[in-house]
C-alpha cells in the first residue's frame, strides 16, 4: 500500500493503514477510500434495496460445498460444472488458491494424480468432473487421443523440432541484420498488407493509372474509343 497521510475523511475517520484502501480509477489514477465510510454506504444501499441483500453466491470453503454447483446429466452420466470456467474447464478458489475442479474430484475419489500425468476427458466435455470419465495419461498419449486420427496435426516431438528450427532461423536473422533494418522493413510491409487485405489500394492505383493514360491520349487528339484500343494493344498478352 502507498504512503498514507495522517488526516481525516469528511466524516472524521482517520486515514490509518487499517481503515484505508486504494481504488483504481478508469483514468489510471488511484483514489484513497475510507473503509468505514464505504461500510456506511453499503449499509444504506441495502436499506434502500433489501431484496438485493444476500443474493450473491457464497464462495465454497471446502470440498463438500462444490456439490451445489454440479448438475448430473443422466443421459451421458456427466457431472457438469455450473460455475466459473477457464478455457472450458471448471475452476474454483479453495483456501485462497485457484484449483481445477475435475482434478479435485479425481484426487478425492481416486487418489493423487501420478507425476507427469494429465487428465483426459473420455466424454469430451471439458466441464465434466465425473471421475469415471477421467483418464490419467501422459502428454504424448493425451495428444494422440485428441489428434491421433488427424494427420494434419503434428506430434509433440514434431512441434518441438519446428519450434527449435524457428528459434535458430530467428537467431541467424538477428546475426545478419544487427541494425534491424530488414526487420523494420518486414514489419512495415506486414502492417501495410494488414491494413489493405482486399488489395483496394493496388486496384485504386491501377484505375488512376488507366485514367491518366486515357487523359494523356485525349490531349494528343485521340478519341475515347481509339484510346481504349491503344490501351488494349499496349497491354501484355496473357497466354
C-alpha atoms as a PDB file:
ATOM      1  CA  UNK A   1       0.000   0.000   0.000  1.00  0.00           C
ATOM      2  CA  UNK A   2       1.181   3.501  -0.763  1.00  0.00           C
ATOM      3  CA  UNK A   3       2.096   6.212   1.683  1.00  0.00           C
ATOM      4  CA  UNK A   4      -0.854   7.341   3.864  1.00  0.00           C
ATOM      5  CA  UNK A   5      -1.083  10.826   5.362  1.00  0.00           C
ATOM      6  CA  UNK A   6      -2.344  11.240   8.920  1.00  0.00           C
ATOM      7  CA  UNK A   7      -5.518  13.128   8.028  1.00  0.00           C
ATOM      8  CA  UNK A   8      -9.255  12.606   8.469  1.00  0.00           C
ATOM      9  CA  UNK A   9     -12.075  11.984   5.995  1.00  0.00           C
ATOM     10  CA  UNK A  10     -15.241  14.085   5.725  1.00  0.00           C
ATOM     11  CA  UNK A  11     -16.948  12.075   8.474  1.00  0.00           C
ATOM     12  CA  UNK A  12     -13.990  12.401  10.831  1.00  0.00           C
ATOM     13  CA  UNK A  13     -12.471   8.933  10.336  1.00  0.00           C
ATOM     14  CA  UNK A  14      -8.692   8.820  10.453  1.00  0.00           C
ATOM     15  CA  UNK A  15      -6.824   7.653   7.355  1.00  0.00           C
ATOM     16  CA  UNK A  16      -4.916   4.838   9.057  1.00  0.00           C
ATOM     17  CA  UNK A  17      -3.451   1.778   7.355  1.00  0.00           C
ATOM     18  CA  UNK A  18      -6.256  -0.460   8.645  1.00  0.00           C
ATOM     19  CA  UNK A  19      -9.019   1.981   7.686  1.00  0.00           C
ATOM     20  CA  UNK A  20      -7.811   2.917   4.197  1.00  0.00           C
ATOM     21  CA  UNK A  21      -7.836   1.223   0.804  1.00  0.00           C
ATOM     22  CA  UNK A  22      -6.960   2.373  -2.697  1.00  0.00           C
ATOM     23  CA  UNK A  23      -9.391   2.227  -5.631  1.00  0.00           C
ATOM     24  CA  UNK A  24      -8.080   2.228  -9.226  1.00  0.00           C
ATOM     25  CA  UNK A  25      -9.948   4.675 -11.435  1.00  0.00           C
ATOM     26  CA  UNK A  26     -10.558   4.374 -15.164  1.00  0.00           C
ATOM     27  CA  UNK A  27      -8.067   7.128 -15.962  1.00  0.00           C
ATOM     28  CA  UNK A  28      -5.247   5.100 -14.362  1.00  0.00           C
ATOM     29  CA  UNK A  29      -5.018   7.069 -11.135  1.00  0.00           C
ATOM     30  CA  UNK A  30      -5.702   5.809  -7.599  1.00  0.00           C
ATOM     31  CA  UNK A  31      -8.173   7.202  -5.093  1.00  0.00           C
ATOM     32  CA  UNK A  32      -7.899   6.776  -1.345  1.00  0.00           C
ATOM     33  CA  UNK A  33     -11.113   5.404   0.188  1.00  0.00           C
ATOM     34  CA  UNK A  34     -12.156   5.233   3.840  1.00  0.00           C
ATOM     35  CA  UNK A  35     -13.317   1.703   4.761  1.00  0.00           C
ATOM     36  CA  UNK A  36     -15.665   2.990   7.486  1.00  0.00           C
ATOM     37  CA  UNK A  37     -17.410   5.374   5.081  1.00  0.00           C
ATOM     38  CA  UNK A  38     -17.661   2.620   2.495  1.00  0.00           C
ATOM     39  CA  UNK A  39     -19.315   0.315   5.066  1.00  0.00           C
ATOM     40  CA  UNK A  40     -21.851   3.056   5.822  1.00  0.00           C
ATOM     41  CA  UNK A  41     -22.619   3.484   2.116  1.00  0.00           C
ATOM     42  CA  UNK A  42     -23.100  -0.274   1.663  1.00  0.00           C
ATOM     43  CA  UNK A  43     -25.402  -0.478   4.684  1.00  0.00           C
ATOM     44  CA  UNK A  44     -27.543   2.395   3.428  1.00  0.00           C
ATOM     45  CA  UNK A  45     -27.697   0.838  -0.044  1.00  0.00           C
ATOM     46  CA  UNK A  46     -29.118  -2.414   1.346  1.00  0.00           C
ATOM     47  CA  UNK A  47     -31.569  -0.424   3.469  1.00  0.00           C
ATOM     48  CA  UNK A  48     -32.944   1.059   0.231  1.00  0.00           C
ATOM     49  CA  UNK A  49     -32.782  -2.300  -1.623  1.00  0.00           C
ATOM     50  CA  UNK A  50     -33.391  -5.088   0.920  1.00  0.00           C
ATOM     51  CA  UNK A  51     -34.288  -7.551  -1.843  1.00  0.00           C
ATOM     52  CA  UNK A  52     -30.684  -7.489  -3.138  1.00  0.00           C
ATOM     53  CA  UNK A  53     -29.059  -8.420   0.158  1.00  0.00           C
ATOM     54  CA  UNK A  54     -27.657 -11.929   0.310  1.00  0.00           C
ATOM     55  CA  UNK A  55     -28.186 -12.644  -3.374  1.00  0.00           C
ATOM     56  CA  UNK A  56     -24.512 -13.141  -4.100  1.00  0.00           C
ATOM     57  CA  UNK A  57     -23.306 -16.716  -4.342  1.00  0.00           C
ATOM     58  CA  UNK A  58     -21.209 -17.693  -1.326  1.00  0.00           C
ATOM     59  CA  UNK A  59     -17.692 -18.895  -2.010  1.00  0.00           C
ATOM     60  CA  UNK A  60     -17.026 -22.589  -1.285  1.00  0.00           C
ATOM     61  CA  UNK A  61     -14.845 -23.149   1.763  1.00  0.00           C
ATOM     62  CA  UNK A  62     -14.333 -26.918   1.467  1.00  0.00           C
ATOM     63  CA  UNK A  63     -14.835 -29.800  -0.956  1.00  0.00           C
ATOM     64  CA  UNK A  64     -18.371 -30.593   0.227  1.00  0.00           C
ATOM     65  CA  UNK A  65     -19.532 -27.130  -0.889  1.00  0.00           C
ATOM     66  CA  UNK A  66     -18.783 -27.975  -4.537  1.00  0.00           C
ATOM     67  CA  UNK A  67     -21.732 -30.348  -4.938  1.00  0.00           C
ATOM     68  CA  UNK A  68     -24.177 -27.417  -5.047  1.00  0.00           C
ATOM     69  CA  UNK A  69     -22.611 -26.279  -8.336  1.00  0.00           C
ATOM     70  CA  UNK A  70     -22.863 -29.599 -10.182  1.00  0.00           C
ATOM     71  CA  UNK A  71     -25.635 -30.786 -12.487  1.00  0.00           C
ATOM     72  CA  UNK A  72     -25.759 -34.540 -13.103  1.00  0.00           C
ATOM     73  CA  UNK A  73     -26.770 -35.256 -16.689  1.00  0.00           C
ATOM     74  CA  UNK A  74     -28.427 -38.669 -16.601  1.00  0.00           C
ATOM     75  CA  UNK A  75     -28.250 -39.418 -20.348  1.00  0.00           C
ATOM     76  CA  UNK A  76     -24.457 -39.311 -20.554  1.00  0.00           C
ATOM     77  CA  UNK A  77     -23.558 -39.638 -16.880  1.00  0.00           C
ATOM     78  CA  UNK A  78     -21.604 -36.371 -16.906  1.00  0.00           C
ATOM     79  CA  UNK A  79     -21.295 -34.211 -13.814  1.00  0.00           C
ATOM     80  CA  UNK A  80     -21.362 -30.759 -15.382  1.00  0.00           C
ATOM     81  CA  UNK A  81     -19.776 -27.874 -13.514  1.00  0.00           C
ATOM     82  CA  UNK A  82     -22.177 -24.912 -13.423  1.00  0.00           C
ATOM     83  CA  UNK A  83     -19.898 -22.152 -12.062  1.00  0.00           C
ATOM     84  CA  UNK A  84     -16.741 -20.392 -13.224  1.00  0.00           C
ATOM     85  CA  UNK A  85     -14.932 -21.766 -16.294  1.00  0.00           C
ATOM     86  CA  UNK A  86     -11.447 -21.154 -17.665  1.00  0.00           C
ATOM     87  CA  UNK A  87     -10.964 -22.239 -21.306  1.00  0.00           C
ATOM     88  CA  UNK A  88     -13.908 -24.605 -20.831  1.00  0.00           C
ATOM     89  CA  UNK A  89     -12.552 -26.240 -17.656  1.00  0.00           C
ATOM     90  CA  UNK A  90     -14.185 -25.651 -14.277  1.00  0.00           C
ATOM     91  CA  UNK A  91     -12.195 -23.659 -11.765  1.00  0.00           C
ATOM     92  CA  UNK A  92     -12.766 -22.722  -8.139  1.00  0.00           C
ATOM     93  CA  UNK A  93     -10.889 -20.945  -5.350  1.00  0.00           C
ATOM     94  CA  UNK A  94     -10.278 -23.086  -2.262  1.00  0.00           C
ATOM     95  CA  UNK A  95      -8.027 -21.967   0.553  1.00  0.00           C
ATOM     96  CA  UNK A  96      -7.053 -18.842  -1.351  1.00  0.00           C
ATOM     97  CA  UNK A  97      -5.754 -20.848  -4.357  1.00  0.00           C
ATOM     98  CA  UNK A  98      -7.329 -21.403  -7.753  1.00  0.00           C
ATOM     99  CA  UNK A  99      -7.888 -25.085  -8.419  1.00  0.00           C
ATOM    100  CA  UNK A 100      -9.115 -27.083 -11.421  1.00  0.00           C
ATOM    101  CA  UNK A 101     -12.370 -28.747 -10.412  1.00  0.00           C
ATOM    102  CA  UNK A 102     -12.093 -32.001 -12.374  1.00  0.00           C
ATOM    103  CA  UNK A 103      -8.657 -32.615 -10.856  1.00  0.00           C
ATOM    104  CA  UNK A 104     -10.061 -32.022  -7.370  1.00  0.00           C
ATOM    105  CA  UNK A 105     -12.752 -34.659  -7.947  1.00  0.00           C
ATOM    106  CA  UNK A 106     -10.254 -37.107  -9.433  1.00  0.00           C
ATOM    107  CA  UNK A 107      -7.926 -36.752  -6.436  1.00  0.00           C
ATOM    108  CA  UNK A 108     -10.838 -37.023  -3.999  1.00  0.00           C
ATOM    109  CA  UNK A 109     -12.157 -40.312  -5.433  1.00  0.00           C
ATOM    110  CA  UNK A 110      -9.073 -41.942  -6.994  1.00  0.00           C
ATOM    111  CA  UNK A 111      -6.151 -40.511  -5.072  1.00  0.00           C
ATOM    112  CA  UNK A 112      -3.360 -38.129  -6.117  1.00  0.00           C
ATOM    113  CA  UNK A 113      -2.509 -37.785  -9.798  1.00  0.00           C
ATOM    114  CA  UNK A 114       0.802 -39.525 -10.682  1.00  0.00           C
ATOM    115  CA  UNK A 115       3.705 -37.247 -11.548  1.00  0.00           C
ATOM    116  CA  UNK A 116       3.976 -36.466 -15.248  1.00  0.00           C
ATOM    117  CA  UNK A 117       0.375 -37.491 -15.957  1.00  0.00           C
ATOM    118  CA  UNK A 118      -2.527 -35.430 -17.298  1.00  0.00           C
ATOM    119  CA  UNK A 119      -6.291 -35.959 -17.180  1.00  0.00           C
ATOM    120  CA  UNK A 120      -8.149 -36.784 -20.375  1.00  0.00           C
ATOM    121  CA  UNK A 121     -11.939 -36.431 -20.639  1.00  0.00           C
ATOM    122  CA  UNK A 122     -13.341 -39.606 -22.182  1.00  0.00           C
ATOM    123  CA  UNK A 123     -16.702 -37.865 -22.699  1.00  0.00           C
ATOM    124  CA  UNK A 124     -15.124 -34.849 -24.483  1.00  0.00           C
ATOM    125  CA  UNK A 125     -16.947 -32.473 -22.075  1.00  0.00           C
ATOM    126  CA  UNK A 126     -14.304 -30.217 -20.590  1.00  0.00           C
ATOM    127  CA  UNK A 127     -16.614 -29.028 -17.797  1.00  0.00           C
ATOM    128  CA  UNK A 128     -17.386 -32.620 -16.709  1.00  0.00           C
ATOM    129  CA  UNK A 129     -15.956 -33.549 -13.282  1.00  0.00           C
ATOM    130  CA  UNK A 130     -17.137 -37.171 -13.067  1.00  0.00           C
ATOM    131  CA  UNK A 131     -14.022 -39.197 -12.086  1.00  0.00           C
ATOM    132  CA  UNK A 132     -15.358 -42.158 -14.116  1.00  0.00           C
ATOM    133  CA  UNK A 133     -14.953 -40.029 -17.262  1.00  0.00           C
ATOM    134  CA  UNK A 134     -11.353 -39.033 -16.434  1.00  0.00           C
ATOM    135  CA  UNK A 135      -8.281 -40.966 -17.525  1.00  0.00           C
ATOM    136  CA  UNK A 136      -4.726 -40.300 -16.348  1.00  0.00           C
ATOM    137  CA  UNK A 137      -2.380 -40.315 -19.369  1.00  0.00           C
ATOM    138  CA  UNK A 138       0.954 -38.852 -20.379  1.00  0.00           C
ATOM    139  CA  UNK A 139       1.248 -35.747 -22.519  1.00  0.00           C
ATOM    140  CA  UNK A 140       2.085 -37.810 -25.634  1.00  0.00           C
ATOM    141  CA  UNK A 141      -0.863 -40.160 -25.058  1.00  0.00           C
ATOM    142  CA  UNK A 142      -3.131 -37.174 -24.423  1.00  0.00           C
ATOM    143  CA  UNK A 143      -2.119 -35.655 -27.755  1.00  0.00           C
ATOM    144  CA  UNK A 144      -2.654 -38.972 -29.544  1.00  0.00           C
ATOM    145  CA  UNK A 145      -6.143 -39.355 -28.060  1.00  0.00           C
ATOM    146  CA  UNK A 146      -7.112 -35.889 -29.270  1.00  0.00           C
ATOM    147  CA  UNK A 147      -5.353 -35.756 -32.643  1.00  0.00           C
ATOM    148  CA  UNK A 148      -4.428 -39.373 -33.452  1.00  0.00           C
ATOM    149  CA  UNK A 149      -6.892 -39.540 -36.342  1.00  0.00           C
ATOM    150  CA  UNK A 150      -5.760 -36.199 -37.786  1.00  0.00           C
ATOM    151  CA  UNK A 151      -2.595 -36.439 -39.913  1.00  0.00           C
ATOM    152  CA  UNK A 152      -2.512 -32.664 -40.327  1.00  0.00           C
ATOM    153  CA  UNK A 153      -1.749 -32.183 -36.616  1.00  0.00           C
ATOM    154  CA  UNK A 154       1.890 -32.504 -35.564  1.00  0.00           C
ATOM    155  CA  UNK A 155       3.065 -34.694 -32.708  1.00  0.00           C
ATOM    156  CA  UNK A 156       4.742 -33.094 -29.636  1.00  0.00           C
ATOM    157  CA  UNK A 157       8.223 -34.069 -30.900  1.00  0.00           C
ATOM    158  CA  UNK A 158       7.487 -32.554 -34.320  1.00  0.00           C
ATOM    159  CA  UNK A 159       6.206 -29.359 -32.691  1.00  0.00           C
ATOM    160  CA  UNK A 160       9.373 -29.147 -30.563  1.00  0.00           C
ATOM    161  CA  UNK A 161      11.597 -29.654 -33.630  1.00  0.00           C
ATOM    162  CA  UNK A 162       9.687 -26.998 -35.580  1.00  0.00           C
ATOM    163  CA  UNK A 163       9.957 -24.511 -32.699  1.00  0.00           C
ATOM    164  CA  UNK A 164      13.705 -25.187 -32.385  1.00  0.00           C
ATOM    165  CA  UNK A 165      14.175 -24.524 -36.117  1.00  0.00           C
ATOM    166  CA  UNK A 166      12.157 -21.283 -35.862  1.00  0.00           C
ATOM    167  CA  UNK A 167      14.336 -20.098 -32.964  1.00  0.00           C
ATOM    168  CA  UNK A 168      17.526 -20.969 -34.882  1.00  0.00           C
ATOM    169  CA  UNK A 169      16.406 -19.102 -38.005  1.00  0.00           C
ATOM    170  CA  UNK A 170      15.411 -16.062 -35.927  1.00  0.00           C
ATOM    171  CA  UNK A 171      18.852 -16.057 -34.271  1.00  0.00           C
ATOM    172  CA  UNK A 172      20.534 -16.206 -37.689  1.00  0.00           C
ATOM    173  CA  UNK A 173      18.399 -13.304 -38.972  1.00  0.00           C
ATOM    174  CA  UNK A 174      19.363 -11.187 -35.969  1.00  0.00           C
ATOM    175  CA  UNK A 175      23.033 -12.003 -36.581  1.00  0.00           C
ATOM    176  CA  UNK A 176      22.819 -10.943 -40.266  1.00  0.00           C
ATOM    177  CA  UNK A 177      20.827  -7.798 -39.507  1.00  0.00           C
ATOM    178  CA  UNK A 178      22.172  -6.253 -36.270  1.00  0.00           C
ATOM    179  CA  UNK A 179      20.675  -2.829 -37.053  1.00  0.00           C
ATOM    180  CA  UNK A 180      17.211  -4.389 -37.560  1.00  0.00           C
ATOM    181  CA  UNK A 181      16.781  -2.650 -40.910  1.00  0.00           C
ATOM    182  CA  UNK A 182      15.287  -5.696 -42.611  1.00  0.00           C
ATOM    183  CA  UNK A 183      13.107  -6.476 -39.604  1.00  0.00           C
ATOM    184  CA  UNK A 184      11.680  -2.961 -39.649  1.00  0.00           C
ATOM    185  CA  UNK A 185      11.065  -3.194 -43.408  1.00  0.00           C
ATOM    186  CA  UNK A 186       9.259  -6.529 -42.981  1.00  0.00           C
ATOM    187  CA  UNK A 187       7.152  -5.099 -40.171  1.00  0.00           C
ATOM    188  CA  UNK A 188       6.260  -2.084 -42.294  1.00  0.00           C
ATOM    189  CA  UNK A 189       5.249  -4.328 -45.194  1.00  0.00           C
ATOM    190  CA  UNK A 190       3.199  -6.560 -42.870  1.00  0.00           C
ATOM    191  CA  UNK A 191       1.357  -3.539 -41.471  1.00  0.00           C
ATOM    192  CA  UNK A 192       0.615  -2.291 -44.983  1.00  0.00           C
ATOM    193  CA  UNK A 193      -0.765  -5.680 -46.039  1.00  0.00           C
ATOM    194  CA  UNK A 194      -2.830  -5.933 -42.843  1.00  0.00           C
ATOM    195  CA  UNK A 195      -4.380  -2.507 -43.477  1.00  0.00           C
ATOM    196  CA  UNK A 196      -5.264  -3.389 -47.087  1.00  0.00           C
ATOM    197  CA  UNK A 197      -6.328  -7.044 -47.067  1.00  0.00           C
ATOM    198  CA  UNK A 198      -8.577  -6.710 -50.106  1.00  0.00           C
ATOM    199  CA  UNK A 199      -5.920  -5.004 -52.230  1.00  0.00           C
ATOM    200  CA  UNK A 200      -8.035  -1.850 -52.533  1.00  0.00           C
ATOM    201  CA  UNK A 201      -5.044   0.488 -52.786  1.00  0.00           C
ATOM    202  CA  UNK A 202      -3.431  -1.542 -55.595  1.00  0.00           C
ATOM    203  CA  UNK A 203      -6.718  -1.601 -57.506  1.00  0.00           C
ATOM    204  CA  UNK A 204      -7.117   2.118 -56.969  1.00  0.00           C
ATOM    205  CA  UNK A 205      -3.603   2.791 -58.282  1.00  0.00           C
ATOM    206  CA  UNK A 206      -4.351   0.744 -61.436  1.00  0.00           C
ATOM    207  CA  UNK A 207      -7.596   2.667 -62.021  1.00  0.00           C
ATOM    208  CA  UNK A 208      -5.846   6.019 -61.585  1.00  0.00           C
ATOM    209  CA  UNK A 209      -3.010   4.976 -63.936  1.00  0.00           C
ATOM    210  CA  UNK A 210      -5.524   3.946 -66.582  1.00  0.00           C
ATOM    211  CA  UNK A 211      -7.338   7.266 -66.137  1.00  0.00           C
ATOM    212  CA  UNK A 212      -4.105   9.257 -66.532  1.00  0.00           C
ATOM    213  CA  UNK A 213      -3.148   7.299 -69.668  1.00  0.00           C
ATOM    214  CA  UNK A 214      -6.568   7.883 -71.221  1.00  0.00           C
ATOM    215  CA  UNK A 215      -6.420  11.589 -70.358  1.00  0.00           C
ATOM    216  CA  UNK A 216      -2.983  11.867 -71.924  1.00  0.00           C
ATOM    217  CA  UNK A 217      -4.247  10.171 -75.117  1.00  0.00           C
ATOM    218  CA  UNK A 218      -7.166  12.603 -75.326  1.00  0.00           C
ATOM    219  CA  UNK A 219      -4.758  15.521 -75.034  1.00  0.00           C
ATOM    220  CA  UNK A 220      -2.895  14.159 -78.085  1.00  0.00           C
ATOM    221  CA  UNK A 221      -6.096  14.134 -80.125  1.00  0.00           C
ATOM    222  CA  UNK A 222      -7.194  10.517 -79.829  1.00  0.00           C
ATOM    223  CA  UNK A 223     -10.876   9.777 -79.308  1.00  0.00           C
ATOM    224  CA  UNK A 224     -12.085   7.723 -76.373  1.00  0.00           C
ATOM    225  CA  UNK A 225     -12.595   4.586 -78.473  1.00  0.00           C
ATOM    226  CA  UNK A 226      -9.133   4.973 -80.030  1.00  0.00           C
ATOM    227  CA  UNK A 227      -7.626   5.456 -76.598  1.00  0.00           C
ATOM    228  CA  UNK A 228      -9.215   2.236 -75.344  1.00  0.00           C
ATOM    229  CA  UNK A 229      -7.971   0.395 -78.445  1.00  0.00           C
ATOM    230  CA  UNK A 230      -4.422   1.673 -77.897  1.00  0.00           C
ATOM    231  CA  UNK A 231      -4.561   0.616 -74.247  1.00  0.00           C
ATOM    232  CA  UNK A 232      -5.633  -2.895 -75.271  1.00  0.00           C
ATOM    233  CA  UNK A 233      -2.877  -3.133 -77.869  1.00  0.00           C
ATOM    234  CA  UNK A 234      -0.213  -1.996 -75.379  1.00  0.00           C
ATOM    235  CA  UNK A 235      -1.433  -4.345 -72.669  1.00  0.00           C
ATOM    236  CA  UNK A 236       0.704  -7.518 -72.208  1.00  0.00           C
ATOM    237  CA  UNK A 237      -0.843 -10.645 -73.690  1.00  0.00           C
ATOM    238  CA  UNK A 238      -1.766 -13.476 -71.353  1.00  0.00           C
ATOM    239  CA  UNK A 239      -1.250 -16.954 -72.784  1.00  0.00           C
END
